[in-house]
N, C-alpha and C. Protein backbone atom coordinates (compact mmCIF):
# COMPACT_ATOMS: atom_id res chain seq x y z
N UNK A 1 -30.08 23.32 19.36
CA UNK A 1 -29.21 22.56 18.50
C UNK A 1 -29.20 21.07 18.88
N UNK A 2 -29.60 20.75 20.11
CA UNK A 2 -29.56 19.37 20.57
C UNK A 2 -30.45 18.46 19.73
N UNK A 3 -31.49 19.01 19.09
CA UNK A 3 -32.39 18.20 18.29
C UNK A 3 -31.88 17.99 16.87
N UNK A 4 -30.85 18.72 16.45
CA UNK A 4 -30.33 18.59 15.10
C UNK A 4 -29.45 17.35 14.99
N UNK A 5 -29.63 16.63 13.89
CA UNK A 5 -28.86 15.42 13.64
C UNK A 5 -28.51 15.38 12.15
N UNK A 6 -27.29 14.98 11.86
CA UNK A 6 -26.85 14.82 10.48
C UNK A 6 -26.36 13.40 10.29
N UNK A 7 -26.82 12.79 9.22
CA UNK A 7 -26.37 11.45 8.86
C UNK A 7 -25.30 11.58 7.78
N UNK A 8 -24.12 11.05 8.05
CA UNK A 8 -23.00 11.09 7.12
C UNK A 8 -22.74 9.66 6.65
N UNK A 9 -22.68 9.48 5.34
CA UNK A 9 -22.44 8.14 4.81
C UNK A 9 -21.20 8.11 3.93
N UNK A 10 -20.58 6.96 3.88
CA UNK A 10 -19.45 6.65 3.02
C UNK A 10 -20.01 5.71 1.96
N UNK A 11 -20.66 6.25 0.91
CA UNK A 11 -21.45 5.42 -0.01
C UNK A 11 -20.66 4.39 -0.79
N UNK A 12 -19.38 4.64 -1.02
CA UNK A 12 -18.58 3.71 -1.82
C UNK A 12 -17.56 2.94 -0.99
N UNK A 13 -17.72 2.98 0.34
CA UNK A 13 -16.82 2.29 1.26
C UNK A 13 -15.36 2.63 0.98
N UNK A 14 -15.08 3.91 0.83
CA UNK A 14 -13.74 4.42 0.56
C UNK A 14 -12.91 4.45 1.84
N UNK A 15 -11.66 3.99 1.76
CA UNK A 15 -10.78 4.04 2.93
C UNK A 15 -10.48 5.48 3.32
N UNK A 16 -10.31 6.36 2.32
CA UNK A 16 -10.04 7.77 2.62
C UNK A 16 -11.22 8.39 3.36
N UNK A 17 -12.44 8.14 2.89
CA UNK A 17 -13.62 8.70 3.54
C UNK A 17 -13.76 8.12 4.94
N UNK A 18 -13.43 6.86 5.13
CA UNK A 18 -13.47 6.26 6.46
C UNK A 18 -12.49 6.96 7.40
N UNK A 19 -11.28 7.26 6.91
CA UNK A 19 -10.31 8.00 7.72
C UNK A 19 -10.84 9.39 8.06
N UNK A 20 -11.45 10.02 7.07
CA UNK A 20 -12.02 11.36 7.27
C UNK A 20 -13.11 11.31 8.34
N UNK A 21 -14.01 10.34 8.25
CA UNK A 21 -15.07 10.22 9.24
C UNK A 21 -14.50 9.91 10.62
N UNK A 22 -13.45 9.12 10.69
CA UNK A 22 -12.81 8.85 11.97
C UNK A 22 -12.29 10.12 12.61
N UNK A 23 -11.69 10.99 11.81
CA UNK A 23 -11.19 12.27 12.32
C UNK A 23 -12.34 13.17 12.77
N UNK A 24 -13.42 13.19 12.00
CA UNK A 24 -14.60 13.98 12.37
C UNK A 24 -15.16 13.49 13.71
N UNK A 25 -15.31 12.18 13.84
CA UNK A 25 -15.86 11.61 15.06
C UNK A 25 -14.95 11.90 16.26
N UNK A 26 -13.66 11.79 16.06
CA UNK A 26 -12.70 12.09 17.13
C UNK A 26 -12.84 13.55 17.58
N UNK A 27 -12.95 14.46 16.64
CA UNK A 27 -13.10 15.88 16.98
C UNK A 27 -14.42 16.14 17.69
N UNK A 28 -15.49 15.54 17.20
CA UNK A 28 -16.80 15.75 17.81
C UNK A 28 -16.86 15.17 19.23
N UNK A 29 -16.23 14.02 19.43
CA UNK A 29 -16.19 13.44 20.77
C UNK A 29 -15.48 14.38 21.74
N UNK A 30 -14.41 15.01 21.27
CA UNK A 30 -13.69 15.97 22.10
C UNK A 30 -14.51 17.20 22.44
N UNK A 31 -15.52 17.49 21.61
CA UNK A 31 -16.41 18.62 21.83
C UNK A 31 -17.66 18.22 22.60
N UNK A 32 -17.79 16.92 22.92
CA UNK A 32 -18.96 16.44 23.65
C UNK A 32 -20.20 16.26 22.79
N UNK A 33 -20.03 16.18 21.46
CA UNK A 33 -21.16 15.99 20.55
C UNK A 33 -21.45 14.50 20.41
N UNK A 34 -22.71 14.13 20.47
CA UNK A 34 -23.08 12.72 20.36
C UNK A 34 -22.84 12.20 18.95
N UNK A 35 -22.36 10.96 18.86
CA UNK A 35 -22.13 10.31 17.58
C UNK A 35 -22.53 8.85 17.66
N UNK A 36 -22.94 8.32 16.52
CA UNK A 36 -23.22 6.89 16.40
C UNK A 36 -22.57 6.44 15.10
N UNK A 37 -21.80 5.35 15.16
CA UNK A 37 -20.99 4.92 14.03
C UNK A 37 -21.37 3.50 13.62
N UNK A 38 -21.40 3.26 12.29
CA UNK A 38 -21.58 1.92 11.74
C UNK A 38 -20.34 1.57 10.93
N UNK A 39 -19.82 0.37 11.18
CA UNK A 39 -18.62 -0.10 10.48
C UNK A 39 -18.94 -1.30 9.62
N UNK A 40 -18.09 -1.53 8.61
CA UNK A 40 -18.16 -2.72 7.77
C UNK A 40 -16.77 -3.31 7.69
N UNK A 41 -16.67 -4.64 7.80
CA UNK A 41 -15.34 -5.26 7.73
C UNK A 41 -14.72 -5.08 6.35
N UNK A 42 -13.39 -4.99 6.32
CA UNK A 42 -12.65 -4.96 5.06
C UNK A 42 -12.28 -6.41 4.75
N UNK A 43 -12.71 -6.91 3.57
CA UNK A 43 -12.38 -8.29 3.23
C UNK A 43 -10.87 -8.54 3.27
N UNK A 44 -10.48 -9.67 3.80
CA UNK A 44 -9.09 -10.10 3.88
C UNK A 44 -8.22 -9.24 4.79
N UNK A 45 -8.82 -8.42 5.62
CA UNK A 45 -8.07 -7.61 6.58
C UNK A 45 -8.73 -7.73 7.94
N UNK A 46 -7.97 -7.40 8.99
CA UNK A 46 -8.51 -7.46 10.34
C UNK A 46 -8.95 -6.08 10.81
N UNK A 47 -9.45 -5.29 9.89
CA UNK A 47 -9.92 -3.94 10.24
C UNK A 47 -11.27 -3.70 9.58
N UNK A 48 -11.81 -2.53 9.82
CA UNK A 48 -13.10 -2.20 9.25
C UNK A 48 -13.11 -0.76 8.76
N UNK A 49 -14.11 -0.45 7.98
CA UNK A 49 -14.32 0.90 7.47
C UNK A 49 -15.52 1.52 8.14
N UNK A 50 -15.46 2.82 8.37
CA UNK A 50 -16.64 3.53 8.83
C UNK A 50 -17.50 3.78 7.60
N UNK A 51 -18.72 3.26 7.61
CA UNK A 51 -19.60 3.43 6.46
C UNK A 51 -20.72 4.42 6.73
N UNK A 52 -20.95 4.72 8.01
CA UNK A 52 -22.01 5.67 8.35
C UNK A 52 -21.77 6.22 9.75
N UNK A 53 -22.11 7.50 9.90
CA UNK A 53 -22.05 8.12 11.22
C UNK A 53 -23.24 9.06 11.34
N UNK A 54 -23.84 9.07 12.49
CA UNK A 54 -24.89 10.03 12.80
C UNK A 54 -24.36 10.91 13.90
N UNK A 55 -24.42 12.23 13.67
CA UNK A 55 -23.84 13.17 14.63
C UNK A 55 -24.90 14.15 15.10
N UNK A 56 -24.75 14.61 16.32
CA UNK A 56 -25.71 15.53 16.93
C UNK A 56 -25.43 16.98 16.59
N UNK A 57 -25.26 17.27 15.31
CA UNK A 57 -25.07 18.63 14.81
C UNK A 57 -25.90 18.82 13.55
N UNK A 58 -26.20 20.06 13.22
CA UNK A 58 -26.87 20.36 11.96
C UNK A 58 -25.91 20.18 10.79
N UNK A 59 -26.46 20.21 9.58
CA UNK A 59 -25.66 19.98 8.38
C UNK A 59 -24.57 21.04 8.22
N UNK A 60 -24.89 22.29 8.42
CA UNK A 60 -23.90 23.36 8.22
C UNK A 60 -22.72 23.22 9.18
N UNK A 61 -22.99 22.93 10.44
CA UNK A 61 -21.92 22.74 11.41
C UNK A 61 -21.10 21.49 11.07
N UNK A 62 -21.77 20.44 10.64
CA UNK A 62 -21.07 19.22 10.24
C UNK A 62 -20.18 19.49 9.04
N UNK A 63 -20.68 20.28 8.09
CA UNK A 63 -19.91 20.65 6.90
C UNK A 63 -18.63 21.37 7.31
N UNK A 64 -18.71 22.27 8.28
CA UNK A 64 -17.52 23.00 8.73
C UNK A 64 -16.50 22.05 9.37
N UNK A 65 -16.98 21.09 10.15
CA UNK A 65 -16.09 20.10 10.75
C UNK A 65 -15.44 19.25 9.66
N UNK A 66 -16.21 18.89 8.63
CA UNK A 66 -15.66 18.12 7.51
C UNK A 66 -14.57 18.91 6.79
N UNK A 67 -14.81 20.21 6.57
CA UNK A 67 -13.80 21.04 5.91
C UNK A 67 -12.51 21.06 6.73
N UNK A 68 -12.63 21.18 8.04
CA UNK A 68 -11.48 21.15 8.92
C UNK A 68 -10.75 19.80 8.80
N UNK A 69 -11.51 18.71 8.82
CA UNK A 69 -10.92 17.38 8.77
C UNK A 69 -10.21 17.14 7.44
N UNK A 70 -10.80 17.57 6.34
CA UNK A 70 -10.16 17.41 5.03
C UNK A 70 -8.82 18.14 5.01
N UNK A 71 -8.78 19.33 5.58
CA UNK A 71 -7.55 20.10 5.64
C UNK A 71 -6.52 19.55 6.61
N UNK A 72 -6.96 18.72 7.55
CA UNK A 72 -6.08 18.19 8.58
C UNK A 72 -5.44 16.87 8.20
N UNK A 73 -6.11 16.08 7.37
CA UNK A 73 -5.56 14.77 7.01
C UNK A 73 -4.20 14.92 6.35
N UNK A 74 -3.39 13.91 6.48
CA UNK A 74 -2.04 13.88 5.93
C UNK A 74 -2.05 14.37 4.47
N UNK A 75 -1.28 15.42 4.17
CA UNK A 75 -1.27 15.96 2.80
C UNK A 75 -0.82 14.97 1.74
N UNK A 76 -0.09 13.94 2.13
CA UNK A 76 0.34 12.95 1.14
C UNK A 76 -0.81 12.05 0.71
N UNK A 77 -1.90 12.07 1.46
CA UNK A 77 -3.06 11.24 1.12
C UNK A 77 -4.23 12.17 0.84
N UNK A 78 -4.45 12.45 -0.41
CA UNK A 78 -5.55 13.31 -0.82
C UNK A 78 -6.71 12.47 -1.35
N UNK A 79 -7.87 13.05 -1.36
CA UNK A 79 -9.04 12.38 -1.90
C UNK A 79 -8.86 12.18 -3.40
N UNK A 80 -9.31 11.05 -3.88
CA UNK A 80 -9.31 10.84 -5.32
C UNK A 80 -10.60 11.43 -5.89
N UNK A 81 -10.66 11.56 -7.18
CA UNK A 81 -11.83 12.16 -7.83
C UNK A 81 -13.11 11.40 -7.50
N UNK A 82 -13.01 10.12 -7.19
CA UNK A 82 -14.19 9.32 -6.93
C UNK A 82 -14.63 9.27 -5.47
N UNK A 83 -13.84 9.83 -4.56
CA UNK A 83 -14.20 9.79 -3.15
C UNK A 83 -15.37 10.72 -2.88
N UNK A 84 -16.45 10.14 -2.35
CA UNK A 84 -17.66 10.91 -2.09
C UNK A 84 -18.18 10.65 -0.69
N UNK A 85 -18.99 11.59 -0.23
CA UNK A 85 -19.62 11.50 1.08
C UNK A 85 -21.07 11.94 0.91
N UNK A 86 -21.94 11.41 1.74
CA UNK A 86 -23.35 11.78 1.68
C UNK A 86 -23.75 12.41 3.00
N UNK A 87 -24.37 13.58 2.93
CA UNK A 87 -24.91 14.26 4.11
C UNK A 87 -26.42 14.30 3.98
N UNK A 88 -27.10 13.61 4.88
CA UNK A 88 -28.56 13.53 4.87
C UNK A 88 -29.11 13.23 3.48
N UNK A 89 -28.46 12.30 2.79
CA UNK A 89 -28.94 11.84 1.50
C UNK A 89 -28.42 12.59 0.29
N UNK A 90 -27.73 13.70 0.48
CA UNK A 90 -27.19 14.46 -0.64
C UNK A 90 -25.71 14.14 -0.80
N UNK A 91 -25.33 13.73 -2.00
CA UNK A 91 -23.97 13.28 -2.26
C UNK A 91 -23.06 14.45 -2.67
N UNK A 92 -21.83 14.44 -2.12
CA UNK A 92 -20.82 15.45 -2.42
C UNK A 92 -19.49 14.76 -2.70
N UNK A 93 -18.73 15.28 -3.66
CA UNK A 93 -17.36 14.83 -3.85
C UNK A 93 -16.54 15.42 -2.70
N UNK A 94 -15.58 14.66 -2.19
CA UNK A 94 -14.73 15.16 -1.11
C UNK A 94 -14.04 16.45 -1.54
N UNK A 95 -13.68 16.54 -2.80
CA UNK A 95 -13.01 17.76 -3.28
C UNK A 95 -13.89 18.98 -3.15
N UNK A 96 -15.22 18.81 -3.17
CA UNK A 96 -16.15 19.94 -2.98
C UNK A 96 -16.08 20.49 -1.56
N UNK A 97 -15.81 19.63 -0.61
CA UNK A 97 -15.84 20.04 0.79
C UNK A 97 -14.79 21.10 1.08
N UNK A 98 -13.63 20.98 0.49
CA UNK A 98 -12.59 21.96 0.75
C UNK A 98 -12.72 23.19 -0.14
N UNK A 99 -13.57 23.14 -1.16
CA UNK A 99 -13.67 24.22 -2.13
C UNK A 99 -14.90 25.10 -1.96
N UNK A 100 -15.99 24.54 -1.42
CA UNK A 100 -17.25 25.27 -1.37
C UNK A 100 -17.57 25.78 0.02
N UNK A 101 -18.43 26.78 0.07
CA UNK A 101 -18.93 27.28 1.35
C UNK A 101 -20.16 26.50 1.76
N UNK A 102 -20.51 26.55 3.03
CA UNK A 102 -21.71 25.86 3.51
C UNK A 102 -22.96 26.47 2.93
N UNK A 103 -22.87 27.68 2.33
CA UNK A 103 -24.05 28.30 1.69
C UNK A 103 -24.56 27.43 0.55
N UNK A 104 -23.71 26.59 -0.01
CA UNK A 104 -24.09 25.75 -1.14
C UNK A 104 -24.80 24.47 -0.72
N UNK A 105 -25.01 24.29 0.57
CA UNK A 105 -25.64 23.06 1.03
C UNK A 105 -27.13 23.02 0.73
N UNK A 106 -27.76 24.18 0.69
CA UNK A 106 -29.18 24.23 0.37
C UNK A 106 -30.08 23.61 1.41
N UNK A 107 -29.64 23.55 2.67
CA UNK A 107 -30.45 22.92 3.70
C UNK A 107 -31.17 23.94 4.59
N UNK A 108 -30.82 25.19 4.43
CA UNK A 108 -31.51 26.23 5.16
C UNK A 108 -31.10 26.41 6.60
N UNK A 109 -30.14 25.60 7.13
CA UNK A 109 -29.76 25.82 8.53
C UNK A 109 -28.47 26.55 8.67
């Protein structure tokens, strides 16, 4: 599994997706999984958004962590219909993550 890597992107620079990726990265760090993060500044603010993360897990395992993170985020802040995430180039609506099984990923791992 050490050779498996998944690239997660925040294609629309969504604040919700950035929060989601932050939670994923925090959980993976606690598990000792390697991560690499790219941030972009938010105009007119002193903060930044996570726009990309590379994690040392396969797509299916990453999908399961994403499902956990979506369920863990503050219930008052839900994904909007336009919030999307990209896993190794394939785009998913955030709402799909909590509704679908990893069998639908089509990546074979």
